[in-house]
Amino acid sequence: MDAVYCKATLGTHVLYRQERSDYGHLRDIRINHNWHALREIIKKDHPDADLVLLMDSDVIATKEQLQALLNAFDGHPLALRTKQYDTGNHICCACCLLTMSDWMKVRYIEEYVDDCPCNKIKKFCGPVRYLEGQQAYEYRDRERQSNLFHGESVPFYTEKASAVE
């Protein structure tokens, strides 16, 4: 993570930067360890939080989009679409709002650490849906260092950013 590109927030902004690099090159394992570590910080420093907005550092969303996400939230995980291509039945949780109690249920590292964290949110919190009519973006191209993407084996590739400059 080089920078945080989204400056809009709905509440307290908590930033976590990966501290360890010994989890290997598998994307999902690294993310699961990071989200687990972030959750430990939130449990300690913000135990009374009601809602959590998980947002990747390269996601760009406006304050209006985040407010629309909050206004439409009905207690079930709700995400802003960040990809400009069809993700099939996989709802990407790069910008996902959920209750603190649901987030505490997710077993990031205790169970199948190599499974996509989006799948874990769906498994432990119920179905995730996109907020219709809203599109967030990703800031920069990313060289993928793994041949696994959302549980599927793929060739090494560069994931193109969706942000238009």
N, C-alpha and C. Protein backbone atom coordinates (compact mmCIF):
# COMPACT_ATOMS: atom_id res chain seq x y z
N MET A 1 0.84 -1.16 0.00
CA MET A 1 0.00 0.00 0.00
C MET A 1 0.89 1.23 0.00
N ASP A 2 0.78 2.04 -1.01
CA ASP A 2 1.57 3.25 -1.10
C ASP A 2 0.85 4.46 -0.56
N ALA A 3 -0.45 4.51 -0.74
CA ALA A 3 -1.22 5.68 -0.33
C ALA A 3 -2.68 5.28 -0.19
N VAL A 4 -3.43 6.14 0.47
CA VAL A 4 -4.87 5.97 0.57
C VAL A 4 -5.48 7.01 -0.35
N TYR A 5 -6.25 6.56 -1.32
CA TYR A 5 -6.73 7.44 -2.38
C TYR A 5 -8.11 8.03 -2.09
N CYS A 6 -8.92 7.35 -1.29
CA CYS A 6 -10.24 7.87 -0.97
C CYS A 6 -10.13 8.72 0.29
N LYS A 7 -10.50 9.96 0.19
CA LYS A 7 -10.42 10.87 1.33
C LYS A 7 -11.74 11.00 2.06
N ALA A 8 -12.83 10.58 1.44
CA ALA A 8 -14.15 10.68 2.07
C ALA A 8 -14.27 9.62 3.16
N THR A 9 -14.88 9.99 4.27
CA THR A 9 -15.11 9.04 5.36
C THR A 9 -16.51 9.24 5.91
N LEU A 10 -17.01 8.22 6.58
CA LEU A 10 -18.32 8.30 7.22
C LEU A 10 -18.19 8.45 8.73
N GLY A 11 -17.04 8.14 9.27
CA GLY A 11 -16.84 8.18 10.72
C GLY A 11 -15.36 8.20 11.01
N THR A 12 -14.94 7.41 11.96
CA THR A 12 -13.53 7.33 12.34
C THR A 12 -12.77 6.52 11.30
N HIS A 13 -11.69 7.09 10.81
CA HIS A 13 -10.86 6.43 9.81
C HIS A 13 -9.76 5.66 10.52
N VAL A 14 -9.71 4.36 10.31
CA VAL A 14 -8.67 3.52 10.90
C VAL A 14 -7.91 2.89 9.74
N LEU A 15 -6.63 3.13 9.71
CA LEU A 15 -5.77 2.64 8.63
C LEU A 15 -4.87 1.54 9.17
N TYR A 16 -4.76 0.46 8.43
CA TYR A 16 -3.83 -0.61 8.80
C TYR A 16 -2.93 -0.91 7.62
N ARG A 17 -1.64 -0.91 7.86
CA ARG A 17 -0.66 -1.24 6.84
C ARG A 17 -0.05 -2.60 7.19
N GLN A 18 0.04 -3.47 6.20
CA GLN A 18 0.60 -4.79 6.42
C GLN A 18 1.98 -4.68 7.04
N GLU A 19 2.18 -5.36 8.17
CA GLU A 19 3.44 -5.30 8.88
C GLU A 19 4.35 -6.47 8.58
N ARG A 20 3.77 -7.59 8.17
CA ARG A 20 4.57 -8.79 7.92
C ARG A 20 4.51 -9.14 6.44
N SER A 21 5.62 -9.69 5.97
CA SER A 21 5.66 -10.09 4.56
C SER A 21 5.91 -11.58 4.41
N ASP A 22 5.80 -12.32 5.49
CA ASP A 22 6.13 -13.75 5.43
C ASP A 22 4.92 -14.64 5.19
N TYR A 23 3.82 -14.06 4.72
CA TYR A 23 2.64 -14.86 4.43
C TYR A 23 2.70 -15.44 3.02
N GLY A 24 3.70 -15.09 2.26
CA GLY A 24 3.82 -15.60 0.90
C GLY A 24 3.20 -14.67 -0.11
N HIS A 25 3.09 -15.15 -1.34
CA HIS A 25 2.58 -14.33 -2.42
C HIS A 25 1.10 -14.53 -2.72
N LEU A 26 0.45 -15.43 -1.99
CA LEU A 26 -0.96 -15.67 -2.27
C LEU A 26 -1.78 -14.49 -1.75
N ARG A 27 -2.43 -13.83 -2.68
CA ARG A 27 -3.21 -12.62 -2.41
C ARG A 27 -4.21 -12.82 -1.28
N ASP A 28 -4.98 -13.88 -1.34
CA ASP A 28 -6.04 -14.10 -0.37
C ASP A 28 -5.49 -14.31 1.04
N ILE A 29 -4.38 -15.01 1.16
CA ILE A 29 -3.77 -15.22 2.48
C ILE A 29 -3.32 -13.90 3.07
N ARG A 30 -2.68 -13.07 2.26
CA ARG A 30 -2.22 -11.76 2.75
C ARG A 30 -3.40 -10.89 3.20
N ILE A 31 -4.46 -10.86 2.39
CA ILE A 31 -5.63 -10.04 2.74
C ILE A 31 -6.29 -10.57 4.00
N ASN A 32 -6.44 -11.87 4.13
CA ASN A 32 -7.07 -12.43 5.33
C ASN A 32 -6.28 -12.08 6.59
N HIS A 33 -4.96 -12.16 6.53
CA HIS A 33 -4.15 -11.78 7.69
C HIS A 33 -4.28 -10.29 7.97
N ASN A 34 -4.30 -9.47 6.93
CA ASN A 34 -4.44 -8.02 7.12
C ASN A 34 -5.79 -7.67 7.74
N TRP A 35 -6.88 -8.24 7.21
CA TRP A 35 -8.20 -7.92 7.74
C TRP A 35 -8.37 -8.44 9.16
N HIS A 36 -7.73 -9.57 9.47
CA HIS A 36 -7.76 -10.08 10.84
C HIS A 36 -7.04 -9.10 11.77
N ALA A 37 -5.86 -8.64 11.38
CA ALA A 37 -5.10 -7.69 12.21
C ALA A 37 -5.87 -6.38 12.38
N LEU A 38 -6.49 -5.89 11.31
CA LEU A 38 -7.29 -4.67 11.40
C LEU A 38 -8.45 -4.87 12.37
N ARG A 39 -9.09 -6.01 12.30
CA ARG A 39 -10.22 -6.27 13.20
C ARG A 39 -9.77 -6.29 14.66
N GLU A 40 -8.58 -6.81 14.93
CA GLU A 40 -8.08 -6.82 16.30
C GLU A 40 -7.89 -5.39 16.81
N ILE A 41 -7.43 -4.50 15.95
CA ILE A 41 -7.26 -3.08 16.32
C ILE A 41 -8.63 -2.46 16.61
N ILE A 42 -9.59 -2.72 15.74
CA ILE A 42 -10.93 -2.15 15.91
C ILE A 42 -11.57 -2.68 17.20
N LYS A 43 -11.44 -3.97 17.46
CA LYS A 43 -12.01 -4.54 18.69
C LYS A 43 -11.45 -3.84 19.92
N LYS A 44 -10.15 -3.56 19.90
CA LYS A 44 -9.49 -2.94 21.04
C LYS A 44 -9.78 -1.44 21.15
N ASP A 45 -9.67 -0.74 20.04
CA ASP A 45 -9.75 0.72 20.08
C ASP A 45 -11.15 1.30 19.86
N HIS A 46 -12.04 0.53 19.25
CA HIS A 46 -13.40 1.02 18.94
C HIS A 46 -14.44 -0.05 19.22
N PRO A 47 -14.49 -0.56 20.46
CA PRO A 47 -15.40 -1.69 20.75
C PRO A 47 -16.88 -1.33 20.64
N ASP A 48 -17.21 -0.05 20.67
CA ASP A 48 -18.62 0.35 20.61
C ASP A 48 -19.10 0.68 19.20
N ALA A 49 -18.26 0.44 18.20
CA ALA A 49 -18.66 0.73 16.82
C ALA A 49 -19.85 -0.13 16.44
N ASP A 50 -20.77 0.45 15.69
CA ASP A 50 -21.94 -0.28 15.21
C ASP A 50 -21.72 -0.85 13.82
N LEU A 51 -21.06 -0.04 12.95
CA LEU A 51 -20.87 -0.42 11.56
C LEU A 51 -19.39 -0.34 11.20
N VAL A 52 -19.02 -1.12 10.20
CA VAL A 52 -17.65 -1.13 9.68
C VAL A 52 -17.72 -0.99 8.17
N LEU A 53 -16.94 -0.08 7.63
CA LEU A 53 -16.79 0.03 6.18
C LEU A 53 -15.39 -0.45 5.83
N LEU A 54 -15.30 -1.64 5.24
CA LEU A 54 -14.02 -2.16 4.78
C LEU A 54 -13.74 -1.55 3.42
N MET A 55 -12.60 -0.89 3.27
CA MET A 55 -12.29 -0.26 1.99
C MET A 55 -10.80 -0.46 1.68
N ASP A 56 -10.53 -1.05 0.52
CA ASP A 56 -9.15 -1.19 0.08
C ASP A 56 -8.54 0.20 -0.13
N SER A 57 -7.24 0.29 0.05
CA SER A 57 -6.57 1.60 -0.02
C SER A 57 -6.59 2.20 -1.42
N ASP A 58 -6.82 1.40 -2.44
CA ASP A 58 -6.81 1.94 -3.80
C ASP A 58 -8.22 2.24 -4.33
N VAL A 59 -9.22 2.13 -3.49
CA VAL A 59 -10.60 2.42 -3.90
C VAL A 59 -10.86 3.92 -3.77
N ILE A 60 -11.48 4.47 -4.79
CA ILE A 60 -11.89 5.87 -4.77
C ILE A 60 -13.41 5.91 -4.77
N ALA A 61 -13.96 6.52 -3.73
CA ALA A 61 -15.40 6.70 -3.63
C ALA A 61 -15.64 8.11 -3.11
N THR A 62 -16.69 8.72 -3.59
CA THR A 62 -17.01 10.08 -3.15
C THR A 62 -17.79 10.04 -1.83
N LYS A 63 -17.83 11.17 -1.17
CA LYS A 63 -18.61 11.27 0.06
C LYS A 63 -20.08 10.97 -0.23
N GLU A 64 -20.58 11.41 -1.38
CA GLU A 64 -21.97 11.15 -1.76
C GLU A 64 -22.22 9.65 -1.96
N GLN A 65 -21.26 8.94 -2.55
CA GLN A 65 -21.42 7.50 -2.74
C GLN A 65 -21.43 6.77 -1.39
N LEU A 66 -20.54 7.19 -0.50
CA LEU A 66 -20.51 6.56 0.82
C LEU A 66 -21.78 6.86 1.60
N GLN A 67 -22.30 8.07 1.46
CA GLN A 67 -23.55 8.42 2.13
C GLN A 67 -24.71 7.61 1.56
N ALA A 68 -24.71 7.40 0.24
CA ALA A 68 -25.75 6.58 -0.39
C ALA A 68 -25.65 5.13 0.11
N LEU A 69 -24.44 4.64 0.31
CA LEU A 69 -24.24 3.29 0.84
C LEU A 69 -24.82 3.21 2.25
N LEU A 70 -24.53 4.19 3.06
CA LEU A 70 -25.05 4.21 4.43
C LEU A 70 -26.58 4.33 4.44
N ASN A 71 -27.12 5.19 3.59
CA ASN A 71 -28.58 5.39 3.54
C ASN A 71 -29.31 4.12 3.11
N ALA A 72 -28.71 3.33 2.23
CA ALA A 72 -29.35 2.13 1.71
C ALA A 72 -29.09 0.90 2.58
N PHE A 73 -28.22 1.03 3.55
CA PHE A 73 -27.83 -0.12 4.38
C PHE A 73 -29.02 -0.59 5.22
N ASP A 74 -29.31 -1.90 5.14
CA ASP A 74 -30.44 -2.47 5.87
C ASP A 74 -30.01 -3.52 6.89
N GLY A 75 -28.72 -3.50 7.25
CA GLY A 75 -28.23 -4.47 8.22
C GLY A 75 -27.53 -5.66 7.59
N HIS A 76 -27.63 -5.80 6.28
CA HIS A 76 -26.95 -6.88 5.57
C HIS A 76 -25.78 -6.31 4.77
N PRO A 77 -24.69 -7.07 4.61
CA PRO A 77 -23.52 -6.54 3.91
C PRO A 77 -23.88 -5.91 2.56
N LEU A 78 -23.38 -4.70 2.34
CA LEU A 78 -23.68 -3.93 1.14
C LEU A 78 -22.39 -3.33 0.63
N ALA A 79 -22.12 -3.48 -0.67
CA ALA A 79 -20.85 -3.05 -1.24
C ALA A 79 -21.06 -2.08 -2.39
N LEU A 80 -20.08 -1.22 -2.59
CA LEU A 80 -20.02 -0.42 -3.80
C LEU A 80 -19.26 -1.23 -4.85
N ARG A 81 -19.76 -1.23 -6.05
CA ARG A 81 -19.07 -1.90 -7.15
C ARG A 81 -17.78 -1.13 -7.43
N THR A 82 -16.65 -1.87 -7.52
CA THR A 82 -15.36 -1.23 -7.79
C THR A 82 -14.76 -1.67 -9.12
N LYS A 83 -15.28 -2.73 -9.68
CA LYS A 83 -14.79 -3.23 -10.97
C LYS A 83 -15.74 -2.75 -12.06
N GLN A 84 -15.18 -2.40 -13.20
CA GLN A 84 -16.04 -1.99 -14.31
C GLN A 84 -16.38 -3.16 -15.22
N TYR A 85 -16.01 -4.34 -14.81
CA TYR A 85 -16.37 -5.53 -15.57
C TYR A 85 -17.24 -6.43 -14.69
N ASP A 86 -17.93 -7.33 -15.32
CA ASP A 86 -18.84 -8.23 -14.62
C ASP A 86 -18.04 -9.20 -13.76
N THR A 87 -18.34 -9.24 -12.47
CA THR A 87 -17.65 -10.15 -11.56
C THR A 87 -18.45 -11.44 -11.34
N GLY A 88 -19.45 -11.64 -12.16
CA GLY A 88 -20.26 -12.85 -12.04
C GLY A 88 -20.99 -12.88 -10.71
N ASN A 89 -21.02 -14.04 -10.08
CA ASN A 89 -21.72 -14.12 -8.79
C ASN A 89 -20.79 -13.79 -7.63
N HIS A 90 -19.58 -13.33 -7.93
CA HIS A 90 -18.63 -12.93 -6.88
C HIS A 90 -18.80 -11.44 -6.59
N ILE A 91 -19.30 -11.11 -5.42
CA ILE A 91 -19.43 -9.71 -5.02
C ILE A 91 -18.13 -9.28 -4.37
N CYS A 92 -17.40 -8.39 -5.01
CA CYS A 92 -16.12 -7.91 -4.47
C CYS A 92 -16.39 -7.01 -3.28
N CYS A 93 -15.70 -7.26 -2.19
CA CYS A 93 -15.90 -6.50 -0.96
C CYS A 93 -14.78 -5.48 -0.74
N ALA A 94 -14.28 -4.87 -1.82
CA ALA A 94 -13.23 -3.86 -1.71
C ALA A 94 -13.75 -2.59 -1.07
N CYS A 95 -15.08 -2.42 -1.04
CA CYS A 95 -15.74 -1.29 -0.38
C CYS A 95 -17.07 -1.81 0.14
N CYS A 96 -17.06 -2.36 1.35
CA CYS A 96 -18.22 -3.09 1.86
C CYS A 96 -18.59 -2.61 3.26
N LEU A 97 -19.86 -2.31 3.44
CA LEU A 97 -20.39 -1.87 4.73
C LEU A 97 -21.09 -3.05 5.39
N LEU A 98 -20.77 -3.30 6.67
CA LEU A 98 -21.43 -4.36 7.41
C LEU A 98 -21.48 -4.00 8.89
N THR A 99 -22.29 -4.72 9.63
CA THR A 99 -22.38 -4.44 11.06
C THR A 99 -21.13 -4.96 11.75
N MET A 100 -20.80 -4.33 12.85
CA MET A 100 -19.64 -4.77 13.64
C MET A 100 -19.86 -6.20 14.12
N SER A 101 -21.08 -6.51 14.54
CA SER A 101 -21.33 -7.87 15.04
C SER A 101 -21.14 -8.91 13.93
N ASP A 102 -21.55 -8.60 12.70
CA ASP A 102 -21.31 -9.53 11.59
C ASP A 102 -19.81 -9.66 11.33
N TRP A 103 -19.12 -8.53 11.30
CA TRP A 103 -17.68 -8.56 10.99
C TRP A 103 -16.92 -9.41 12.01
N MET A 104 -17.36 -9.38 13.26
CA MET A 104 -16.69 -10.17 14.30
C MET A 104 -16.87 -11.67 14.09
N LYS A 105 -17.85 -12.08 13.32
CA LYS A 105 -18.09 -13.50 13.05
C LYS A 105 -17.11 -14.08 12.04
N VAL A 106 -16.54 -13.24 11.19
CA VAL A 106 -15.71 -13.72 10.08
C VAL A 106 -14.42 -14.33 10.62
N ARG A 107 -14.14 -15.53 10.17
CA ARG A 107 -12.93 -16.26 10.61
C ARG A 107 -11.88 -16.15 9.50
N TYR A 108 -11.15 -15.05 9.51
CA TYR A 108 -10.19 -14.78 8.45
C TYR A 108 -9.02 -15.76 8.43
N ILE A 109 -8.44 -16.04 9.58
CA ILE A 109 -7.25 -16.90 9.59
C ILE A 109 -7.47 -18.23 10.27
N GLU A 110 -8.58 -18.37 10.98
CA GLU A 110 -8.82 -19.61 11.71
C GLU A 110 -9.35 -20.72 10.81
N GLU A 111 -9.82 -20.36 9.64
CA GLU A 111 -10.45 -21.34 8.75
C GLU A 111 -10.16 -20.98 7.30
N TYR A 112 -9.53 -21.88 6.57
CA TYR A 112 -9.27 -21.70 5.14
C TYR A 112 -8.66 -20.33 4.84
N VAL A 113 -7.48 -20.10 5.35
CA VAL A 113 -6.82 -18.80 5.20
C VAL A 113 -6.57 -18.45 3.73
N ASP A 114 -6.61 -19.46 2.85
CA ASP A 114 -6.38 -19.20 1.42
C ASP A 114 -7.66 -18.93 0.65
N ASP A 115 -8.81 -18.86 1.32
CA ASP A 115 -10.07 -18.55 0.66
C ASP A 115 -10.21 -17.03 0.54
N CYS A 116 -10.85 -16.59 -0.52
CA CYS A 116 -11.05 -15.16 -0.74
C CYS A 116 -11.81 -14.55 0.44
N PRO A 117 -11.34 -13.42 0.97
CA PRO A 117 -12.03 -12.80 2.10
C PRO A 117 -13.46 -12.37 1.76
N CYS A 118 -13.74 -12.09 0.50
CA CYS A 118 -15.12 -11.77 0.10
C CYS A 118 -16.02 -12.98 0.34
N ASN A 119 -15.51 -14.17 0.02
CA ASN A 119 -16.28 -15.39 0.27
C ASN A 119 -16.51 -15.60 1.75
N LYS A 120 -15.53 -15.23 2.56
CA LYS A 120 -15.67 -15.38 4.01
C LYS A 120 -16.76 -14.46 4.54
N ILE A 121 -16.83 -13.24 4.05
CA ILE A 121 -17.90 -12.34 4.48
C ILE A 121 -19.25 -12.93 4.12
N LYS A 122 -19.37 -13.45 2.91
CA LYS A 122 -20.63 -14.07 2.48
C LYS A 122 -20.96 -15.28 3.37
N LYS A 123 -19.96 -16.09 3.67
CA LYS A 123 -20.19 -17.31 4.46
C LYS A 123 -20.65 -16.99 5.88
N PHE A 124 -19.99 -16.04 6.53
CA PHE A 124 -20.27 -15.78 7.94
C PHE A 124 -21.33 -14.69 8.18
N CYS A 125 -21.59 -13.86 7.17
CA CYS A 125 -22.50 -12.73 7.36
C CYS A 125 -23.73 -12.80 6.47
N GLY A 126 -23.78 -13.75 5.59
CA GLY A 126 -24.91 -13.84 4.67
C GLY A 126 -24.58 -13.19 3.34
N PRO A 127 -25.52 -13.20 2.42
CA PRO A 127 -25.27 -12.69 1.08
C PRO A 127 -24.85 -11.21 1.09
N VAL A 128 -23.94 -10.88 0.20
CA VAL A 128 -23.51 -9.50 0.00
C VAL A 128 -24.10 -9.05 -1.32
N ARG A 129 -24.57 -7.81 -1.37
CA ARG A 129 -25.09 -7.29 -2.63
C ARG A 129 -24.43 -5.94 -2.91
N TYR A 130 -24.47 -5.57 -4.19
CA TYR A 130 -23.98 -4.26 -4.59
C TYR A 130 -25.09 -3.23 -4.46
N LEU A 131 -24.70 -2.00 -4.14
CA LEU A 131 -25.63 -0.88 -4.17
C LEU A 131 -25.81 -0.49 -5.63
N GLU A 132 -27.00 -0.65 -6.14
CA GLU A 132 -27.27 -0.36 -7.54
C GLU A 132 -27.13 1.13 -7.83
N GLY A 133 -26.62 1.44 -9.00
CA GLY A 133 -26.53 2.82 -9.45
C GLY A 133 -25.32 3.57 -8.95
N GLN A 134 -24.42 2.91 -8.22
CA GLN A 134 -23.22 3.56 -7.70
C GLN A 134 -21.99 2.79 -8.17
N GLN A 135 -20.96 3.50 -8.61
CA GLN A 135 -19.74 2.88 -9.09
C GLN A 135 -18.55 3.59 -8.47
N ALA A 136 -17.81 2.90 -7.60
CA ALA A 136 -16.54 3.41 -7.09
C ALA A 136 -15.46 2.97 -8.08
N TYR A 137 -14.23 3.36 -7.84
CA TYR A 137 -13.15 3.05 -8.78
C TYR A 137 -11.90 2.60 -8.05
N GLU A 138 -10.99 2.01 -8.80
CA GLU A 138 -9.68 1.66 -8.27
C GLU A 138 -8.66 2.57 -8.91
N TYR A 139 -7.72 3.04 -8.12
CA TYR A 139 -6.82 4.10 -8.54
C TYR A 139 -5.74 3.67 -9.53
N ARG A 140 -5.13 2.52 -9.33
CA ARG A 140 -3.95 2.22 -10.13
C ARG A 140 -3.92 0.76 -10.58
N ASP A 141 -3.16 0.53 -11.63
CA ASP A 141 -2.93 -0.84 -12.08
C ASP A 141 -2.18 -1.58 -10.98
N ARG A 142 -2.44 -2.88 -10.86
CA ARG A 142 -1.74 -3.69 -9.87
C ARG A 142 -1.17 -4.93 -10.54
N GLU A 143 0.11 -5.13 -10.35
CA GLU A 143 0.74 -6.36 -10.81
C GLU A 143 0.37 -7.44 -9.81
N ARG A 144 -0.29 -8.46 -10.27
CA ARG A 144 -0.67 -9.56 -9.39
C ARG A 144 0.52 -10.49 -9.22
N GLN A 145 0.82 -10.81 -7.97
CA GLN A 145 1.94 -11.68 -7.65
C GLN A 145 1.48 -13.10 -7.35
N SER A 146 0.29 -13.42 -7.74
CA SER A 146 -0.26 -14.73 -7.45
C SER A 146 -1.02 -15.23 -8.66
N ASN A 147 -1.13 -16.54 -8.76
CA ASN A 147 -1.93 -17.09 -9.84
C ASN A 147 -3.31 -17.52 -9.33
N LEU A 148 -3.67 -17.07 -8.15
CA LEU A 148 -5.01 -17.31 -7.64
C LEU A 148 -5.73 -15.99 -7.50
N PHE A 149 -6.93 -15.92 -8.03
CA PHE A 149 -7.74 -14.71 -7.91
C PHE A 149 -9.16 -15.14 -7.59
N HIS A 150 -9.63 -14.78 -6.42
CA HIS A 150 -10.95 -15.17 -5.95
C HIS A 150 -11.16 -16.68 -6.07
N GLY A 151 -10.13 -17.42 -5.67
CA GLY A 151 -10.24 -18.87 -5.61
C GLY A 151 -10.03 -19.59 -6.92
N GLU A 152 -9.77 -18.87 -8.00
CA GLU A 152 -9.57 -19.51 -9.29
C GLU A 152 -8.14 -19.34 -9.75
N SER A 153 -7.60 -20.38 -10.37
CA SER A 153 -6.25 -20.33 -10.90
C SER A 153 -6.26 -19.55 -12.21
N VAL A 154 -5.43 -18.53 -12.29
CA VAL A 154 -5.33 -17.69 -13.48
C VAL A 154 -3.86 -17.45 -13.79
N PRO A 155 -3.53 -17.04 -15.01
CA PRO A 155 -2.13 -16.69 -15.30
C PRO A 155 -1.77 -15.40 -14.55
N PHE A 156 -0.46 -15.19 -14.34
CA PHE A 156 -0.03 -13.93 -13.75
C PHE A 156 -0.47 -12.81 -14.67
N TYR A 157 -0.87 -11.68 -14.13
CA TYR A 157 -1.46 -10.64 -14.96
C TYR A 157 -1.35 -9.28 -14.25
N THR A 158 -1.69 -8.25 -14.99
CA THR A 158 -1.83 -6.92 -14.43
C THR A 158 -3.30 -6.58 -14.42
N GLU A 159 -3.81 -6.27 -13.23
CA GLU A 159 -5.21 -5.87 -13.11
C GLU A 159 -5.27 -4.37 -13.38
N LYS A 160 -5.96 -3.99 -14.42
CA LYS A 160 -6.04 -2.59 -14.81
C LYS A 160 -6.95 -1.82 -13.86
N ALA A 161 -6.54 -0.62 -13.52
CA ALA A 161 -7.34 0.25 -12.67
C ALA A 161 -8.58 0.67 -13.42
N SER A 162 -9.63 0.97 -12.68
CA SER A 162 -10.85 1.42 -13.32
C SER A 162 -10.97 2.94 -13.28
N ALA A 163 -10.10 3.60 -12.52
CA ALA A 163 -10.17 5.05 -12.43
C ALA A 163 -9.70 5.69 -13.73
N VAL A 164 -10.40 6.69 -14.15
CA VAL A 164 -10.03 7.42 -15.35
C VAL A 164 -9.42 8.73 -14.92
N GLU A 165 -8.23 9.01 -15.39
CA GLU A 165 -7.57 10.27 -15.01
C GLU A 165 -7.64 11.26 -16.12
